[in-house]
C-alpha atoms as a PDB file:
ATOM      1  CA  MET A   1       8.473 131.675  45.778  1.00  0.00           C
ATOM      2  CA  SER A   2      11.164 129.173  46.709  1.00  0.00           C
ATOM      3  CA  VAL A   3       8.592 126.352  46.704  1.00  0.00           C
ATOM      4  CA  LEU A   4       7.284 127.451  43.313  1.00  0.00           C
ATOM      5  CA  ASN A   5      10.833 127.655  41.943  1.00  0.00           C
ATOM      6  CA  ASP A   6      11.532 124.140  43.178  1.00  0.00           C
ATOM      7  CA  ILE A   7       8.376 122.832  41.526  1.00  0.00           C
ATOM      8  CA  LEU A   8       9.131 124.578  38.226  1.00  0.00           C
ATOM      9  CA  SER A   9      12.832 123.721  38.181  1.00  0.00           C
ATOM     10  CA  PRO A  10      14.139 121.942  35.065  1.00  0.00           C
ATOM     11  CA  TRP A  11      15.040 118.872  37.134  1.00  0.00           C
ATOM     12  CA  ALA A  12      11.548 118.569  38.651  1.00  0.00           C
ATOM     13  CA  ILE A  13       9.826 119.051  35.300  1.00  0.00           C
ATOM     14  CA  THR A  14      12.122 116.514  33.629  1.00  0.00           C
ATOM     15  CA  VAL A  15      11.544 113.875  36.299  1.00  0.00           C
ATOM     16  CA  THR A  16       7.766 114.504  36.313  1.00  0.00           C
ATOM     17  CA  VAL A  17       7.488 114.172  32.548  1.00  0.00           C
ATOM     18  CA  SER A  18       9.707 111.081  32.624  1.00  0.00           C
ATOM     19  CA  VAL A  19       7.656 109.345  35.339  1.00  0.00           C
ATOM     20  CA  LEU A  20       4.314 110.151  33.722  1.00  0.00           C
ATOM     21  CA  GLY A  21       5.615 109.241  30.267  1.00  0.00           C
ATOM     22  CA  ALA A  22       7.019 105.924  31.497  1.00  0.00           C
ATOM     23  CA  THR A  23       3.727 105.188  33.260  1.00  0.00           C
ATOM     24  CA  TRP A  24       1.742 105.898  30.091  1.00  0.00           C
ATOM     25  CA  LEU A  25       4.071 103.720  27.997  1.00  0.00           C
ATOM     26  CA  PHE A  26       3.987 100.857  30.508  1.00  0.00           C
ATOM     27  CA  ASN A  27       0.201 101.101  30.779  1.00  0.00           C
ATOM     28  CA  ARG A  28      -0.177 100.928  27.001  1.00  0.00           C
ATOM     29  CA  SER A  29       2.197  97.955  26.868  1.00  0.00           C
ATOM     30  CA  VAL A  30       0.209  96.080  29.521  1.00  0.00           C
ATOM     31  CA  HIS A  31      -3.011  96.793  27.604  1.00  0.00           C
ATOM     32  CA  PHE A  32      -1.425  95.491  24.400  1.00  0.00           C
ATOM     33  CA  VAL A  33      -0.226  92.294  26.075  1.00  0.00           C
ATOM     34  CA  ILE A  34      -3.584  91.604  27.730  1.00  0.00           C
ATOM     35  CA  HIS A  35      -5.507  92.245  24.495  1.00  0.00           C
ATOM     36  CA  SER A  36      -3.118  89.880  22.664  1.00  0.00           C
ATOM     37  CA  LEU A  37      -3.620  87.168  25.283  1.00  0.00           C
ATOM     38  CA  ALA A  38      -7.388  87.713  25.167  1.00  0.00           C
ATOM     39  CA  ALA A  39      -7.382  87.288  21.386  1.00  0.00           C
ATOM     40  CA  ARG A  40      -5.363  84.066  21.710  1.00  0.00           C
ATOM     41  CA  TRP A  41      -7.411  82.574  24.562  1.00  0.00           C
ATOM     42  CA  GLY A  42     -10.968  83.382  23.558  1.00  0.00           C
ATOM     43  CA  GLU A  43     -12.535  81.384  26.380  1.00  0.00           C
ATOM     44  CA  ARG A  44     -10.663  83.518  28.949  1.00  0.00           C
ATOM     45  CA  ARG A  45     -11.052  86.828  27.107  1.00  0.00           C
ATOM     46  CA  LEU A  46     -13.564  88.424  29.451  1.00  0.00           C
ATOM     47  CA  LEU A  47     -11.597  87.384  32.549  1.00  0.00           C
ATOM     48  CA  LEU A  48      -8.392  88.949  31.212  1.00  0.00           C
ATOM     49  CA  LEU A  49     -10.085  92.171  30.108  1.00  0.00           C
ATOM     50  CA  ARG A  50     -11.501  92.727  33.585  1.00  0.00           C
ATOM     51  CA  PHE A  51      -8.024  93.505  34.903  1.00  0.00           C
ATOM     52  CA  LEU A  52      -7.427  96.463  32.561  1.00  0.00           C
ATOM     53  CA  PRO A  53      -9.300  99.181  34.525  1.00  0.00           C
ATOM     54  CA  ILE A  54      -7.752  98.062  37.820  1.00  0.00           C
ATOM     55  CA  ILE A  55      -4.233  98.020  36.372  1.00  0.00           C
ATOM     56  CA  SER A  56      -4.683 101.540  34.963  1.00  0.00           C
ATOM     57  CA  ILE A  57      -5.839 102.923  38.317  1.00  0.00           C
ATOM     58  CA  VAL A  58      -2.978 101.299  40.218  1.00  0.00           C
ATOM     59  CA  LEU A  59      -0.306 102.481  37.764  1.00  0.00           C
ATOM     60  CA  TRP A  60      -1.477 106.103  37.639  1.00  0.00           C
ATOM     61  CA  THR A  61      -1.963 106.250  41.402  1.00  0.00           C
ATOM     62  CA  LEU A  62       1.592 105.015  41.964  1.00  0.00           C
ATOM     63  CA  ALA A  63       2.921 107.505  39.399  1.00  0.00           C
ATOM     64  CA  ILE A  64       1.230 110.439  41.152  1.00  0.00           C
ATOM     65  CA  ILE A  65       2.527 109.293  44.539  1.00  0.00           C
ATOM     66  CA  VAL A  66       6.069 109.023  43.157  1.00  0.00           C
ATOM     67  CA  VAL A  67       5.922 112.478  41.583  1.00  0.00           C
ATOM     68  CA  VAL A  68       4.495 114.187  44.656  1.00  0.00           C
ATOM     69  CA  SER A  69       6.533 112.471  47.355  1.00  0.00           C
ATOM     70  CA  ALA A  70       9.854 111.616  45.731  1.00  0.00           C
ATOM     71  CA  VAL A  71      10.268 114.464  43.255  1.00  0.00           C
ATOM     72  CA  PHE A  72       8.822 117.462  45.088  1.00  0.00           C
ATOM     73  CA  SER A  73       9.339 116.163  48.651  1.00  0.00           C
ATOM     74  CA  PRO A  74       6.821 118.580  50.183  1.00  0.00           C
ATOM     75  CA  ASP A  75       6.681 119.093  53.934  1.00  0.00           C
ATOM     76  CA  SER A  76       3.407 119.053  55.887  1.00  0.00           C
ATOM     77  CA  GLY A  77       3.104 122.839  55.842  1.00  0.00           C
ATOM     78  CA  THR A  78       3.470 123.036  52.080  1.00  0.00           C
ATOM     79  CA  ILE A  79       0.934 120.268  51.574  1.00  0.00           C
ATOM     80  CA  ALA A  80      -1.600 122.017  53.810  1.00  0.00           C
ATOM     81  CA  THR A  81      -1.092 125.379  52.083  1.00  0.00           C
ATOM     82  CA  VAL A  82      -1.349 124.005  48.568  1.00  0.00           C
ATOM     83  CA  MET A  83      -4.346 121.827  49.375  1.00  0.00           C
ATOM     84  CA  GLY A  84      -6.192 124.598  51.179  1.00  0.00           C
ATOM     85  CA  ALA A  85      -5.750 127.009  48.273  1.00  0.00           C
ATOM     86  CA  SER A  86      -6.516 124.542  45.516  1.00  0.00           C
ATOM     87  CA  VAL A  87      -9.305 122.327  46.849  1.00  0.00           C
ATOM     88  CA  PHE A  88     -12.037 124.930  46.497  1.00  0.00           C
ATOM     89  CA  ALA A  89     -10.905 126.216  43.088  1.00  0.00           C
ATOM     90  CA  ILE A  90     -10.329 122.774  41.609  1.00  0.00           C
ATOM     91  CA  GLY A  91     -13.469 121.328  43.146  1.00  0.00           C
ATOM     92  CA  PHE A  92     -15.645 124.092  41.740  1.00  0.00           C
ATOM     93  CA  ALA A  93     -14.041 124.126  38.301  1.00  0.00           C
ATOM     94  CA  ALA A  94     -13.880 120.367  37.865  1.00  0.00           C
ATOM     95  CA  GLN A  95     -17.174 119.131  39.280  1.00  0.00           C
ATOM     96  CA  ASP A  96     -17.985 117.062  36.209  1.00  0.00           C
ATOM     97  CA  PHE A  97     -14.443 115.684  36.106  1.00  0.00           C
ATOM     98  CA  PHE A  98     -14.632 114.378  39.672  1.00  0.00           C
ATOM     99  CA  LYS A  99     -18.158 113.079  39.116  1.00  0.00           C
ATOM    100  CA  ASN A 100     -16.857 111.047  36.198  1.00  0.00           C
ATOM    101  CA  ILE A 101     -13.954 109.687  38.271  1.00  0.00           C
ATOM    102  CA  LEU A 102     -16.298 108.772  41.106  1.00  0.00           C
ATOM    103  CA  GLY A 103     -18.594 107.093  38.597  1.00  0.00           C
ATOM    104  CA  GLY A 104     -15.658 105.139  37.158  1.00  0.00           C
ATOM    105  CA  LEU A 105     -14.626 103.899  40.609  1.00  0.00           C
ATOM    106  CA  ILE A 106     -18.195 102.860  41.418  1.00  0.00           C
ATOM    107  CA  ILE A 107     -18.478 100.977  38.116  1.00  0.00           C
ATOM    108  CA  MET A 108     -15.195  99.140  38.748  1.00  0.00           C
ATOM    109  CA  PHE A 109     -15.944  98.106  42.316  1.00  0.00           C
ATOM    110  CA  ASP A 110     -19.733  97.736  42.201  1.00  0.00           C
ATOM    111  CA  GLY A 111     -19.495  95.816  38.939  1.00  0.00           C
ATOM    112  CA  PRO A 112     -22.776  96.456  37.050  1.00  0.00           C
ATOM    113  CA  PHE A 113     -20.763  95.484  33.977  1.00  0.00           C
ATOM    114  CA  GLN A 114     -17.190  94.703  32.953  1.00  0.00           C
ATOM    115  CA  VAL A 115     -15.061  95.037  29.838  1.00  0.00           C
ATOM    116  CA  GLY A 116     -16.412  92.554  27.296  1.00  0.00           C
ATOM    117  CA  ASP A 117     -20.022  92.642  28.487  1.00  0.00           C
ATOM    118  CA  LYS A 118     -22.871  93.335  26.075  1.00  0.00           C
ATOM    119  CA  VAL A 119     -24.877  96.201  27.529  1.00  0.00           C
ATOM    120  CA  GLU A 120     -27.715  98.517  26.620  1.00  0.00           C
ATOM    121  CA  ILE A 121     -27.377 102.069  27.879  1.00  0.00           C
ATOM    122  CA  ALA A 122     -30.179 104.071  26.321  1.00  0.00           C
ATOM    123  CA  PRO A 123     -30.052 104.705  23.459  1.00  0.00           C
ATOM    124  CA  TYR A 124     -26.835 102.733  22.838  1.00  0.00           C
ATOM    125  CA  TYR A 125     -26.311  98.977  22.642  1.00  0.00           C
ATOM    126  CA  GLY A 126     -22.994  97.221  22.213  1.00  0.00           C
ATOM    127  CA  GLU A 127     -19.891  95.687  23.773  1.00  0.00           C
ATOM    128  CA  VAL A 128     -17.987  97.472  26.532  1.00  0.00           C
ATOM    129  CA  VAL A 129     -14.403  97.796  25.293  1.00  0.00           C
ATOM    130  CA  ARG A 130     -12.968 100.155  27.902  1.00  0.00           C
ATOM    131  CA  ILE A 131     -13.816 101.435  31.381  1.00  0.00           C
ATOM    132  CA  GLY A 132     -11.715 104.491  32.124  1.00  0.00           C
ATOM    133  CA  LEU A 133     -11.624 106.910  35.025  1.00  0.00           C
ATOM    134  CA  ARG A 134     -13.694 109.494  33.155  1.00  0.00           C
ATOM    135  CA  SER A 135     -15.705 107.552  30.583  1.00  0.00           C
ATOM    136  CA  THR A 136     -16.813 104.155  29.309  1.00  0.00           C
ATOM    137  CA  LYS A 137     -16.429 103.198  25.650  1.00  0.00           C
ATOM    138  CA  ILE A 138     -18.912 100.955  23.837  1.00  0.00           C
ATOM    139  CA  VAL A 139     -18.682  99.493  20.323  1.00  0.00           C
ATOM    140  CA  THR A 140     -22.136  99.122  18.778  1.00  0.00           C
ATOM    141  CA  ASN A 141     -23.174  96.351  16.372  1.00  0.00           C
ATOM    142  CA  ASP A 142     -22.619  98.697  13.422  1.00  0.00           C
ATOM    143  CA  ASP A 143     -19.006  99.236  14.608  1.00  0.00           C
ATOM    144  CA  SER A 144     -19.482 102.752  15.982  1.00  0.00           C
ATOM    145  CA  LEU A 145     -17.416 103.728  19.032  1.00  0.00           C
ATOM    146  CA  VAL A 146     -19.570 105.491  21.645  1.00  0.00           C
ATOM    147  CA  THR A 147     -18.064 107.303  24.639  1.00  0.00           C
ATOM    148  CA  VAL A 148     -20.367 107.718  27.652  1.00  0.00           C
ATOM    149  CA  PRO A 149     -19.256 109.860  30.661  1.00  0.00           C
ATOM    150  CA  ASN A 150     -19.167 107.756  33.816  1.00  0.00           C
ATOM    151  CA  SER A 151     -21.313 110.279  35.678  1.00  0.00           C
ATOM    152  CA  LYS A 152     -24.109 109.559  33.184  1.00  0.00           C
ATOM    153  CA  MET A 153     -23.721 105.833  33.740  1.00  0.00           C
ATOM    154  CA  LEU A 154     -24.810 106.313  37.348  1.00  0.00           C
ATOM    155  CA  GLU A 155     -27.972 108.127  36.256  1.00  0.00           C
ATOM    156  CA  LEU A 156     -29.095 105.711  33.526  1.00  0.00           C
ATOM    157  CA  SER A 157     -30.487 102.194  33.685  1.00  0.00           C
ATOM    158  CA  VAL A 158     -27.990  99.658  32.350  1.00  0.00           C
ATOM    159  CA  SER A 159     -29.087  96.304  30.907  1.00  0.00           C
ATOM    160  CA  ASN A 160     -26.323  93.678  30.940  1.00  0.00           C
ATOM    161  CA  GLY A 161     -26.924  90.812  28.524  1.00  0.00           C
ATOM    162  CA  ASN A 162     -24.200  88.353  29.589  1.00  0.00           C
ATOM    163  CA  ALA A 163     -22.840  89.585  32.974  1.00  0.00           C
ATOM    164  CA  GLY A 164     -19.311  88.301  32.444  1.00  0.00           C
ATOM    165  CA  ALA A 165     -20.232  85.122  30.564  1.00  0.00           C
ATOM    166  CA  LEU A 166     -18.941  84.480  27.058  1.00  0.00           C
ATOM    167  CA  ASP A 167     -22.269  83.108  25.805  1.00  0.00           C
ATOM    168  CA  PHE A 168     -25.212  85.406  25.197  1.00  0.00           C
ATOM    169  CA  GLN A 169     -28.924  85.001  24.443  1.00  0.00           C
ATOM    170  CA  VAL A 170     -29.953  86.143  20.968  1.00  0.00           C
ATOM    171  CA  VAL A 171     -33.590  86.705  19.993  1.00  0.00           C
ATOM    172  CA  THR A 172     -34.644  86.203  16.363  1.00  0.00           C
ATOM    173  CA  ASP A 173     -38.167  86.891  15.082  1.00  0.00           C
ATOM    174  CA  VAL A 174     -39.586  85.291  11.943  1.00  0.00           C
ATOM    175  CA  TYR A 175     -43.118  86.049  10.707  1.00  0.00           C
ATOM    176  CA  LEU A 176     -45.448  83.562   9.055  1.00  0.00           C
ATOM    177  CA  PRO A 177     -49.034  83.754   7.733  1.00  0.00           C
ATOM    178  CA  ALA A 178     -51.782  83.500  10.346  1.00  0.00           C
ATOM    179  CA  HIS A 179     -52.966  80.058   9.139  1.00  0.00           C
ATOM    180  CA  THR A 180     -49.541  78.445   9.730  1.00  0.00           C
ATOM    181  CA  ASP A 181     -49.309  75.009  11.329  1.00  0.00           C
ATOM    182  CA  VAL A 182     -47.618  76.209  14.538  1.00  0.00           C
ATOM    183  CA  GLY A 183     -46.525  72.725  15.590  1.00  0.00           C
ATOM    184  CA  VAL A 184     -44.482  72.232  12.436  1.00  0.00           C
ATOM    185  CA  ALA A 185     -43.210  75.812  12.610  1.00  0.00           C
ATOM    186  CA  GLU A 186     -42.010  75.327  16.197  1.00  0.00           C
ATOM    187  CA  ASN A 187     -40.052  72.182  15.324  1.00  0.00           C
ATOM    188  CA  LEU A 188     -38.438  73.765  12.269  1.00  0.00           C
ATOM    189  CA  ALA A 189     -37.498  76.902  14.207  1.00  0.00           C
ATOM    190  CA  TRP A 190     -35.849  74.835  16.951  1.00  0.00           C
ATOM    191  CA  GLU A 191     -33.901  72.845  14.367  1.00  0.00           C
ATOM    192  CA  ALA A 192     -32.776  76.055  12.620  1.00  0.00           C
ATOM    193  CA  ALA A 193     -31.204  77.304  15.851  1.00  0.00           C
ATOM    194  CA  ALA A 194     -29.800  73.932  16.926  1.00  0.00           C
ATOM    195  CA  THR A 195     -27.965  73.342  13.624  1.00  0.00           C
ATOM    196  CA  SER A 196     -26.290  76.759  13.495  1.00  0.00           C
ATOM    197  CA  PRO A 197     -22.481  76.595  13.859  1.00  0.00           C
ATOM    198  CA  TYR A 198     -22.642  79.527  16.295  1.00  0.00           C
ATOM    199  CA  VAL A 199     -25.135  78.058  18.785  1.00  0.00           C
ATOM    200  CA  PHE A 200     -24.224  77.332  22.430  1.00  0.00           C
ATOM    201  CA  LEU A 201     -26.055  74.076  23.111  1.00  0.00           C
ATOM    202  CA  ASP A 202     -25.271  73.915  26.845  1.00  0.00           C
ATOM    203  CA  LYS A 203     -28.196  76.275  27.367  1.00  0.00           C
ATOM    204  CA  PRO A 204     -31.790  75.705  26.206  1.00  0.00           C
ATOM    205  CA  ILE A 205     -33.317  76.829  22.917  1.00  0.00           C
ATOM    206  CA  MET A 206     -36.762  78.338  23.440  1.00  0.00           C
ATOM    207  CA  ILE A 207     -39.454  78.914  20.826  1.00  0.00           C
ATOM    208  CA  ARG A 208     -42.327  81.307  21.532  1.00  0.00           C
ATOM    209  CA  ILE A 209     -45.238  81.570  19.085  1.00  0.00           C
ATOM    210  CA  THR A 210     -47.690  84.468  19.313  1.00  0.00           C
ATOM    211  CA  ASP A 211     -50.054  86.415  17.085  1.00  0.00           C
ATOM    212  CA  ASP A 212     -48.960  89.816  15.859  1.00  0.00           C
ATOM    213  CA  TYR A 213     -50.595  92.471  13.749  1.00  0.00           C
ATOM    214  CA  LYS A 214     -48.769  94.351  11.006  1.00  0.00           C
ATOM    215  CA  GLU A 215     -51.599  95.548   8.733  1.00  0.00           C
ATOM    216  CA  GLN A 216     -52.813  91.942   8.939  1.00  0.00           C
ATOM    217  CA  VAL A 217     -52.760  89.105  11.469  1.00  0.00           C
ATOM    218  CA  LEU A 218     -49.437  87.257  11.426  1.00  0.00           C
ATOM    219  CA  THR A 219     -47.848  84.425  13.366  1.00  0.00           C
ATOM    220  CA  ARG A 220     -44.658  85.541  15.072  1.00  0.00           C
ATOM    221  CA  VAL A 221     -42.091  82.793  15.722  1.00  0.00           C
ATOM    222  CA  ARG A 222     -39.602  84.055  18.309  1.00  0.00           C
ATOM    223  CA  ILE A 223     -36.421  81.984  18.563  1.00  0.00           C
ATOM    224  CA  LYS A 224     -34.372  82.409  21.760  1.00  0.00           C
ATOM    225  CA  ALA A 225     -30.989  80.707  21.691  1.00  0.00           C
ATOM    226  CA  TYR A 226     -27.497  81.331  23.048  1.00  0.00           C
ATOM    227  CA  VAL A 227     -24.510  82.180  20.877  1.00  0.00           C
ATOM    228  CA  ILE A 228     -21.080  80.791  21.795  1.00  0.00           C
ATOM    229  CA  ASP A 229     -19.446  84.245  21.811  1.00  0.00           C
ATOM    230  CA  ILE A 230     -21.072  87.657  22.187  1.00  0.00           C
ATOM    231  CA  ARG A 231     -19.114  88.999  19.210  1.00  0.00           C
ATOM    232  CA  LEU A 232     -20.931  86.515  16.957  1.00  0.00           C
ATOM    233  CA  GLU A 233     -24.377  87.880  17.863  1.00  0.00           C
ATOM    234  CA  THR A 234     -25.285  89.389  14.492  1.00  0.00           C
ATOM    235  CA  LEU A 235     -23.832  86.452  12.546  1.00  0.00           C
ATOM    236  CA  PHE A 236     -25.830  84.025  14.670  1.00  0.00           C
ATOM    237  CA  GLN A 237     -29.038  86.011  14.304  1.00  0.00           C
ATOM    238  CA  SER A 238     -28.634  86.203  10.537  1.00  0.00           C
ATOM    239  CA  ASP A 239     -27.790  82.493  10.260  1.00  0.00           C
ATOM    240  CA  VAL A 240     -30.792  81.406  12.339  1.00  0.00           C
ATOM    241  CA  SER A 241     -33.136  83.669  10.378  1.00  0.00           C
ATOM    242  CA  LYS A 242     -31.844  82.306   7.060  1.00  0.00           C
ATOM    243  CA  ARG A 243     -32.078  78.675   8.159  1.00  0.00           C
ATOM    244  CA  ALA A 244     -35.580  79.141   9.565  1.00  0.00           C
ATOM    245  CA  LYS A 245     -36.923  80.855   6.450  1.00  0.00           C
ATOM    246  CA  GLN A 246     -35.398  78.233   4.157  1.00  0.00           C
ATOM    247  CA  ALA A 247     -36.979  75.478   6.252  1.00  0.00           C
ATOM    248  CA  PHE A 248     -40.366  77.240   6.297  1.00  0.00           C
ATOM    249  CA  MET A 249     -40.323  77.691   2.526  1.00  0.00           C
ATOM    250  CA  LYS A 250     -39.325  74.054   1.982  1.00  0.00           C
ATOM    251  CA  ALA A 251     -42.228  72.964   4.195  1.00  0.00           C
ATOM    252  CA  LYS A 252     -44.510  75.372   2.294  1.00  0.00           C
ATOM    253  CA  LEU A 253     -45.284  77.324   5.467  1.00  0.00           C
ATOM    254  CA  LEU A 254     -43.812  80.514   4.033  1.00  0.00           C
ATOM    255  CA  PRO A 255     -44.968  81.483   0.498  1.00  0.00           C
ATOM    256  CA  ALA A 256     -42.204  82.797  -1.741  1.00  0.00           C
ATOM    257  CA  HIS A 257     -43.978  86.162  -2.150  1.00  0.00           C
ATOM    258  CA  PHE A 258     -44.760  86.590   1.558  1.00  0.00           C
ATOM    259  CA  ASP A 259     -43.246  89.734   3.078  1.00  0.00           C
ATOM    260  CA  GLY A 260     -45.578  90.435   5.994  1.00  0.00           C
ATOM    261  CA  GLU A 261     -47.634  92.909   3.960  1.00  0.00           C
ATOM    262  CA  PRO A 262     -51.249  92.428   2.777  1.00  0.00           C
ATOM    263  CA  CYS A 263     -51.372  90.005  -0.138  1.00  0.00           C
ATOM    264  CA  PRO A 264     -52.421  91.304  -3.628  1.00  0.00           C
ATOM    265  CA  ARG A 265     -55.894  89.744  -3.302  1.00  0.00           C
ATOM    266  CA  GLU A 266     -56.537  91.661  -0.064  1.00  0.00           C
ATOM    267  CA  VAL A 267     -55.336  94.911  -1.632  1.00  0.00           C
ATOM    268  CA  ALA A 268     -57.555  94.373  -4.687  1.00  0.00           C
ATOM    269  CA  SER A 269     -60.602  93.688  -2.518  1.00  0.00           C
ATOM    270  CA  GLN A 270     -59.952  96.816  -0.512  1.00  0.00           C
ATOM    271  CA  ASP A 271     -59.641  98.916  -3.713  1.00  0.00           C
ATOM    272  CA  GLU A 272     -62.920  97.477  -5.014  1.00  0.00           C
ATOM    273  CA  LYS A 273     -64.696  98.433  -1.806  1.00  0.00           C
ATOM    274  CA  GLU A 274     -63.346 101.973  -1.968  1.00  0.00           C
ATOM    275  CA  GLY A 275     -64.348 102.232  -5.646  1.00  0.00           C
ATOM    276  CA  ALA A 276     -67.882 101.112  -4.848  1.00  0.00           C
ATOM    277  CA  LYS A 277     -68.376 103.949  -2.386  1.00  0.00           C
ATOM    278  CA  PRO A 278     -70.541 106.812  -3.795  1.00  0.00           C
END
C-alpha cells in the first residue's frame, strides 16, 4: 500500500502531469518549427519531415524514463513485482496496441516510406503526412485524411512513387481516333509535357502509344513525365492533358465532337441493322 500511496500522491501526480504536458507541448512546438522550415525551404521539405517521427519517439521515451526513474524512484523489487503482475494483463489486453507500435518502429527504421512520400496502400493513394507510433496518416488527392494502423501497414503491399525524392512521375492518358497519325501525335504529346510550368526536365519524358478498345478501337497516347513537386501532381496532370488536347485539336487529330464514344454515324448504322432484323 505504501508504494501505491507514493505513486498516487499529489506530488507524484503533479510532477507526472507536468513532465508529460511539457513533453507534449515541446513536441508540438518542434513539429510546428519543422513544418514552417519545410514550407520555407521546399527543396529540403522531405529531408526535414523525416526527422519528425524520430524526434517524437526520443522525446516520449525520455519523458517516460524521467517519470519512472526520477519521480517514482522504484527499487528493483518494486519494478519486478509491478512488471510481473502487469506484463500478462497489459500484453493480452493491448495486443493490437503493441502491434501498431512495433509496426511504427519497423516503418521508421526499415524505411519503406517516409513523411512526404507519395504512396499507394490499397485502396488509398496519397501523401504521407505523419508516421506515428500507432498509425500512419495519408492525405489523398481529394484532400481526405486517412488513418491506417501501423500493424496493417506490415500486412499490405505499399507502392512508393518517389522514395524520398521531391520529383514524381505522373502518367496522363489522352485518347484519339484509331486512324490518328501517331508520329504527329507523339511529337505533340511530348511538347505538351515539356512546355508545362510544372515539369521536371532533368528526367526524361516518355510517350507510349497503344491501341485500346472502349466500345470502339482508339489510340491511347500515354504521357509519362516528372513533376517538380509531388504536391503538384494533379495540377500537372490537368495541365498536360489540356495542352495535349488543344494541340491535337489544332492539328485536326482530335475532332471537336470526339469523346471516345461511337460516333453518330456508327450508332445510326447499328440502329438500322437492328431495325432490319425480322
